[in-house]
Each structure stands twice: as C-alpha cells, then as structure tokens.
Amino acid sequence: MILLLVGLFLGNIPSFAFSASSQPKINCLIINLDYVNCTWTEHEHNYSFKSRFTHKEILDCPNYLRIDGVNVGCVFPYEKPQRFNTLKTWLYSDNGGLVTEQEHNLKAYVKLYPPVNLSVVEKKDAELWLYWNITKNDSCIESEVRHRTDNNAWKSTTPGHRTSFSLPFPSKKRYEFQVRARIESSCGESKFWSDWSEPVYWGYLKTNNTSGKLSYPYYKSLSALSACNFTSNSKWRDALPVRALALAQPLLPTHFQGKLLKED
C-alpha cells in the first residue's frame, strides 16, 4: 500500500520537478480532495515532516509513508478549499535540525479517483446510454468518455460536466467504454486527470462453427455475471440484462468462458 501511494504520486510528477540539489525536493499532490500526499526525493535519511496551510497551525505528520523503515512521505487531511492557499512544508533531520523549507501552490495539483458504477443501457431509440458516478459530489468536476468497438482505436469525447453519455449504435458490435475525471477550468483546472475507470462493455462476440453462428455475452463484471444463470436454453438468452455493470469489485478474467448459445 505504501509503495502504491508513493508510486501514484511520483508517477504523475514531470521529470523536471526533481532538480539536482543537495537538499531533498518535496512534492505534494491532493488526492481526491480528501488528503494531501507529500513525498521527498532523498531516502537515505529518516526525516521528520511538518506542514502548514495559510491561516492554519503547523501540523506534525500524522501518517508517514515508509519504505524499509525510512520515512519517504507523509499523508495528512485536506480541507476544502485549502488548495487555493499556500502550503509550507519542512523536513527535519534526526537531531532536529532544519533540512529544507519549501512552499507549494497546489491549486492545479489535484488527482481524483476514477469514476465508478459504470453502466450501459440500451434504449428503444437505438441508442446506448452510459451512466457513471463521480467519487466526489462536486460541481467543479468534469468527465471525459472514451469508447471503441471490437478493439478498434479509442474515440474520446469533449470533456464536460456530466454523468451520462449517449451513442447511436449499429447491431452486432461489441462496445467498450471508460471514463475519467478532473477539476474543471472554472474552478482552477487541475493538471491531472484521474486514472481511467474500469471498462464496461455492451454487445456480443460472434464466432462461427459447423453448427452455425454462436454468441455469448461479454461482460467484465461479477455483478452482471451473477445476475444470470448460464444454461443452454432460450430462457437464459431472453433474460439477459441490458445493463452491463462495472463496479468496484474483483474482476473476472476478460474472456469468460460461458456456455455458447446457438442463435435461432
């Protein structure tokens, strides 16, 4: 978990941020508007960390990130709207001496969690509707959708403040959708998008054999699969859910080997 948090942050900081210096560089990122994750670039010494947002008291680090017993970062609570205030940070050596003091403007340094609860619904007017939830109930968050059919190139939409998306579709294709989110420009745009959500699928994969065309539903969702009884009769096919859910649950292998159903 510690390595994941450190890797999450370091993987989103451009290389020029780590300038050569005798002092460690402190890099901070606000995660999902819930907490601040600060890490430093020098891990040979076991530093202690303090921080202070403008108009707030100096805070000793409540939760250190450690690798092999060495402090490499700190996680501390975030309060809205602190990202518009200057954050001061300090590192101290084992003997209490000040190693470095730095200032951070975090307005553009916010990384949200990916959207969740994606679902696809087929409407009567020959459209697919994609729905999702944002992990923060915040009017400042915009979403971007990308989609593709049958493993072709991705097509991305213009980002916007929304939690749904519609797409006209032809038959006999498999559709794949993902969504990501970030703080939009009217609220002080973040440099960082969230990671892409888990994918959600709609449609069927087709295959041919001597007995004719066969099909099976293609889901990457424990919920969608558990809602169906995999049998070889037509009742199962008629009862297929039109919503393919991709929830925050352990995923089944991408190619689920269910029983193939012969089409009438």
Protein backbone atom coordinates (compact mmCIF):
# COMPACT_ATOMS: atom_id res chain seq x y z
CA MET A 1 0.00 0.00 0.00
CA ILE A 2 2.84 2.38 0.86
CA LEU A 3 4.62 1.66 -2.40
CA LEU A 4 1.33 2.21 -4.25
CA LEU A 5 0.81 5.64 -2.67
CA VAL A 6 4.38 6.69 -3.34
CA GLY A 7 4.24 5.33 -6.89
CA LEU A 8 0.89 7.02 -7.54
CA PHE A 9 2.38 10.38 -6.72
CA LEU A 10 5.83 10.05 -8.24
CA GLY A 11 4.36 8.66 -11.46
CA ASN A 12 2.42 11.89 -12.01
CA ILE A 13 5.23 14.39 -11.44
CA PRO A 14 7.20 15.53 -14.51
CA SER A 15 10.91 14.80 -14.50
CA PHE A 16 11.87 18.48 -14.40
CA ALA A 17 10.31 18.72 -10.93
CA PHE A 18 13.25 16.77 -9.49
CA SER A 19 16.06 19.27 -9.87
CA ALA A 20 19.55 18.34 -8.83
CA SER A 21 20.16 19.79 -5.38
CA SER A 22 21.88 18.99 -2.13
CA GLN A 23 18.52 19.35 -0.44
CA PRO A 24 15.63 16.91 -0.94
CA LYS A 25 12.77 18.13 -3.10
CA ILE A 26 9.29 17.85 -1.56
CA ASN A 27 6.43 17.15 -3.99
CA CYS A 28 2.80 17.29 -2.90
CA LEU A 29 -0.44 16.20 -4.55
CA ILE A 30 -4.04 16.46 -3.31
CA ILE A 31 -5.75 13.09 -3.68
CA ASN A 32 -9.50 13.11 -4.43
CA LEU A 33 -9.92 16.31 -2.36
CA ASP A 34 -9.61 14.03 0.68
CA TYR A 35 -5.97 14.18 1.72
CA VAL A 36 -2.56 15.54 0.74
CA ASN A 37 0.23 13.16 -0.23
CA CYS A 38 3.73 14.63 0.05
CA THR A 39 6.88 12.69 -0.79
CA TRP A 40 10.54 13.69 -0.91
CA THR A 41 13.29 12.69 -3.26
CA GLU A 42 16.04 11.69 -0.84
CA HIS A 43 15.56 8.46 1.11
CA GLU A 44 18.94 7.96 2.76
CA HIS A 45 17.96 9.81 5.94
CA ASN A 46 14.94 9.37 8.18
CA TYR A 47 13.46 12.85 8.07
CA SER A 48 10.53 14.15 10.08
CA PHE A 49 7.93 16.28 8.31
CA LYS A 50 5.80 19.29 9.21
CA SER A 51 3.29 21.24 7.12
CA ARG A 52 1.09 24.30 7.32
CA PHE A 53 -1.58 25.75 5.05
CA THR A 54 -2.02 29.54 5.19
CA HIS A 55 -4.10 30.58 8.22
CA LYS A 56 -3.72 27.13 9.77
CA GLU A 57 -1.49 25.76 12.53
CA ILE A 58 1.71 23.86 11.87
CA LEU A 59 0.91 20.13 11.65
CA ASP A 60 3.22 17.28 12.61
CA CYS A 61 2.90 14.43 10.14
CA PRO A 62 0.05 12.17 11.31
CA ASN A 63 0.81 9.30 8.89
CA TYR A 64 4.23 8.63 7.41
CA LEU A 65 4.83 6.59 4.29
CA ARG A 66 7.78 4.30 4.96
CA ILE A 67 9.98 2.04 2.88
CA ASP A 68 12.33 -0.29 4.76
CA GLY A 69 11.71 1.72 7.92
CA VAL A 70 12.67 5.04 6.36
CA ASN A 71 10.20 7.92 6.10
CA VAL A 72 9.70 8.74 2.40
CA GLY A 73 6.43 10.66 2.53
CA CYS A 74 3.53 11.92 4.58
CA VAL A 75 -0.25 11.77 4.23
CA PHE A 76 -2.39 14.35 6.02
CA PRO A 77 -6.02 15.53 5.81
CA TYR A 78 -7.23 18.08 3.27
CA GLU A 79 -9.96 20.62 3.94
CA LYS A 80 -11.85 22.47 1.23
CA PRO A 81 -10.72 24.95 -0.21
CA GLN A 82 -7.13 24.70 1.03
CA ARG A 83 -5.75 24.12 -2.46
CA PHE A 84 -6.12 27.85 -3.10
CA ASN A 85 -3.84 28.60 -0.14
CA THR A 86 -0.08 28.23 0.04
CA LEU A 87 1.22 25.08 1.67
CA LYS A 88 4.51 25.31 3.55
CA THR A 89 6.46 22.14 4.29
CA TRP A 90 9.51 21.39 6.39
CA LEU A 91 11.88 18.45 6.70
CA TYR A 92 13.97 17.93 9.82
CA SER A 93 16.93 15.65 10.45
CA ASP A 94 17.16 13.08 13.25
CA ASN A 95 18.82 15.62 15.55
CA GLY A 96 16.04 18.15 14.97
CA GLY A 97 17.93 20.40 12.56
CA LEU A 98 16.04 22.02 9.70
CA VAL A 99 16.95 20.39 6.36
CA THR A 100 14.66 22.29 3.99
CA GLU A 101 11.65 24.61 3.96
CA GLN A 102 9.52 24.79 0.81
CA GLU A 103 6.29 26.37 -0.45
CA HIS A 104 3.69 24.77 -2.71
CA ASN A 105 0.79 26.10 -4.78
CA LEU A 106 -1.49 23.07 -5.08
CA LYS A 107 -4.43 24.61 -6.97
CA ALA A 108 -3.55 22.63 -10.11
CA TYR A 109 -2.22 19.58 -8.26
CA VAL A 110 -5.35 17.54 -7.64
CA LYS A 111 -5.82 13.93 -8.75
CA LEU A 112 -9.28 12.44 -8.37
CA TYR A 113 -10.23 8.80 -8.03
CA PRO A 114 -11.61 7.22 -11.22
CA PRO A 115 -15.39 7.30 -11.79
CA VAL A 116 -17.28 4.24 -10.53
CA ASN A 117 -20.51 2.31 -11.07
CA LEU A 118 -20.43 2.47 -14.85
CA SER A 119 -23.50 1.02 -16.55
CA VAL A 120 -24.71 0.77 -20.14
CA VAL A 121 -28.38 0.75 -21.09
CA GLU A 122 -29.89 0.06 -24.49
CA LYS A 123 -32.76 2.45 -25.22
CA LYS A 124 -35.65 1.87 -27.62
CA ASP A 125 -34.49 4.64 -29.96
CA ALA A 126 -31.41 2.62 -30.97
CA GLU A 127 -29.02 4.37 -28.61
CA LEU A 128 -26.63 3.19 -25.96
CA TRP A 129 -26.62 5.26 -22.78
CA LEU A 130 -23.62 5.19 -20.47
CA TYR A 131 -24.01 6.27 -16.84
CA TRP A 132 -21.44 6.66 -14.07
CA ASN A 133 -20.84 8.15 -10.62
CA ILE A 134 -18.13 10.56 -9.54
CA THR A 135 -16.45 9.77 -6.24
CA LYS A 136 -16.90 13.39 -5.12
CA ASN A 137 -20.19 15.30 -5.17
CA ASP A 138 -18.63 18.45 -6.55
CA SER A 139 -19.93 20.78 -9.28
CA CYS A 140 -16.33 21.53 -10.29
CA ILE A 141 -15.65 18.07 -11.73
CA GLU A 142 -15.72 17.36 -15.47
CA SER A 143 -15.69 13.94 -17.13
CA GLU A 144 -14.22 12.61 -20.35
CA VAL A 145 -15.54 9.46 -22.04
CA ARG A 146 -13.65 7.25 -24.43
CA HIS A 147 -15.20 4.38 -26.37
CA ARG A 148 -14.37 1.87 -29.06
CA THR A 149 -15.88 -1.06 -30.91
CA ASP A 150 -14.35 -4.50 -31.40
CA ASN A 151 -10.91 -3.42 -30.10
CA ASN A 152 -10.55 -0.63 -32.67
CA ALA A 153 -8.91 2.72 -31.88
CA TRP A 154 -10.33 4.74 -28.99
CA LYS A 155 -12.54 7.76 -29.67
CA SER A 156 -12.63 10.44 -26.98
CA THR A 157 -15.39 12.93 -26.23
CA THR A 158 -15.09 16.59 -25.32
CA PRO A 159 -14.84 16.88 -21.52
CA GLY A 160 -17.93 18.21 -19.80
CA HIS A 161 -19.81 18.42 -16.53
CA ARG A 162 -21.99 15.32 -16.83
CA THR A 163 -22.51 11.77 -15.61
CA SER A 164 -24.11 10.27 -18.73
CA PHE A 165 -23.33 9.87 -22.41
CA SER A 166 -25.32 8.56 -25.38
CA LEU A 167 -24.12 6.91 -28.57
CA PRO A 168 -26.06 5.71 -31.64
CA PHE A 169 -25.06 2.16 -32.43
CA PRO A 170 -25.31 -0.39 -35.22
CA SER A 171 -26.00 -4.02 -34.38
CA LYS A 172 -23.57 -6.90 -33.96
CA LYS A 173 -20.72 -4.96 -32.37
CA ARG A 174 -19.05 -5.04 -29.00
CA TYR A 175 -18.74 -1.64 -27.33
CA GLU A 176 -16.22 -0.72 -24.64
CA PHE A 177 -16.39 2.44 -22.51
CA GLN A 178 -14.17 4.14 -19.93
CA VAL A 179 -14.47 7.46 -18.09
CA ARG A 180 -12.02 9.71 -16.27
CA ALA A 181 -12.47 12.93 -14.28
CA ARG A 182 -10.66 16.07 -13.16
CA ILE A 183 -11.25 19.53 -11.68
CA GLU A 184 -12.51 21.79 -14.50
CA SER A 185 -11.11 25.18 -15.56
CA SER A 186 -13.84 27.33 -13.96
CA CYS A 187 -12.74 26.04 -10.56
CA GLY A 188 -9.00 26.18 -11.11
CA GLU A 189 -8.22 23.38 -13.56
CA SER A 190 -6.08 20.51 -12.36
CA LYS A 191 -3.10 19.35 -14.38
CA PHE A 192 -4.00 15.79 -13.58
CA TRP A 193 -6.82 13.58 -14.83
CA SER A 194 -7.91 10.66 -12.74
CA ASP A 195 -6.95 7.23 -13.98
CA TRP A 196 -9.40 5.72 -16.43
CA SER A 197 -12.25 3.82 -14.83
CA GLU A 198 -12.61 0.10 -15.11
CA PRO A 199 -14.06 -0.65 -18.56
CA VAL A 200 -17.69 -1.54 -19.13
CA TYR A 201 -18.90 -3.48 -22.19
CA TRP A 202 -22.06 -3.88 -24.20
CA GLY A 203 -22.67 -6.35 -27.01
CA TYR A 204 -21.70 -9.82 -28.13
CA LEU A 205 -18.69 -11.58 -29.50
CA LYS A 206 -19.50 -13.72 -32.52
CA THR A 207 -17.88 -16.91 -33.67
CA ASN A 208 -18.62 -19.47 -36.40
CA ASN A 209 -18.52 -23.23 -36.45
CA THR A 210 -20.13 -26.02 -38.39
CA SER A 211 -23.37 -25.74 -36.45
CA GLY A 212 -23.89 -22.08 -37.30
CA LYS A 213 -23.34 -18.72 -35.67
CA LEU A 214 -22.91 -18.72 -31.90
CA SER A 215 -22.81 -15.90 -29.42
CA TYR A 216 -22.16 -15.34 -25.75
CA PRO A 217 -22.45 -12.23 -23.61
CA TYR A 218 -19.21 -10.37 -22.96
CA TYR A 219 -19.02 -8.82 -19.52
CA LYS A 220 -16.18 -7.81 -17.24
CA SER A 221 -18.32 -7.69 -14.15
CA LEU A 222 -19.02 -10.00 -11.27
CA SER A 223 -22.40 -8.37 -10.73
CA ALA A 224 -23.61 -8.82 -14.29
CA LEU A 225 -22.49 -12.43 -14.43
CA SER A 226 -24.02 -13.35 -11.11
CA ALA A 227 -27.37 -11.96 -12.30
CA CYS A 228 -27.57 -14.67 -14.97
CA ASN A 229 -27.84 -18.45 -14.83
CA PHE A 230 -25.60 -19.88 -17.51
CA THR A 231 -27.75 -22.55 -19.12
CA SER A 232 -28.22 -23.68 -22.68
CA ASN A 233 -31.92 -22.87 -23.01
CA SER A 234 -33.58 -19.86 -24.61
CA LYS A 235 -34.92 -18.57 -21.29
CA TRP A 236 -31.41 -17.54 -20.30
CA ARG A 237 -30.92 -15.62 -23.53
CA ASP A 238 -34.25 -13.83 -23.14
CA ALA A 239 -33.40 -12.88 -19.57
CA LEU A 240 -30.03 -11.27 -20.33
CA PRO A 241 -29.72 -7.95 -18.52
CA VAL A 242 -29.33 -4.92 -20.76
CA ARG A 243 -27.19 -3.25 -18.10
CA ALA A 244 -23.56 -4.34 -18.05
CA LEU A 245 -22.14 -3.18 -14.76
CA ALA A 246 -18.53 -2.47 -13.89
CA LEU A 247 -18.47 -1.96 -10.15
CA ALA A 248 -15.59 -1.72 -7.71
CA GLN A 249 -15.37 -5.48 -7.25
CA PRO A 250 -12.79 -8.13 -8.19
CA LEU A 251 -12.94 -8.67 -11.93
CA LEU A 252 -13.41 -11.94 -13.72
CA PRO A 253 -10.98 -12.81 -16.49
CA THR A 254 -11.60 -10.71 -19.59
CA HIS A 255 -12.63 -13.70 -21.71
CA PHE A 256 -15.23 -15.51 -19.65
CA GLN A 257 -15.78 -19.00 -20.94
CA GLY A 258 -19.53 -19.36 -20.53
CA LYS A 259 -21.65 -21.79 -22.49
CA LEU A 260 -22.24 -20.74 -26.06
CA LEU A 261 -25.83 -20.28 -27.17
CA LYS A 262 -26.94 -21.17 -30.63
CA GLU A 263 -28.96 -18.41 -32.27
CA ASP A 264 -32.36 -19.21 -33.75
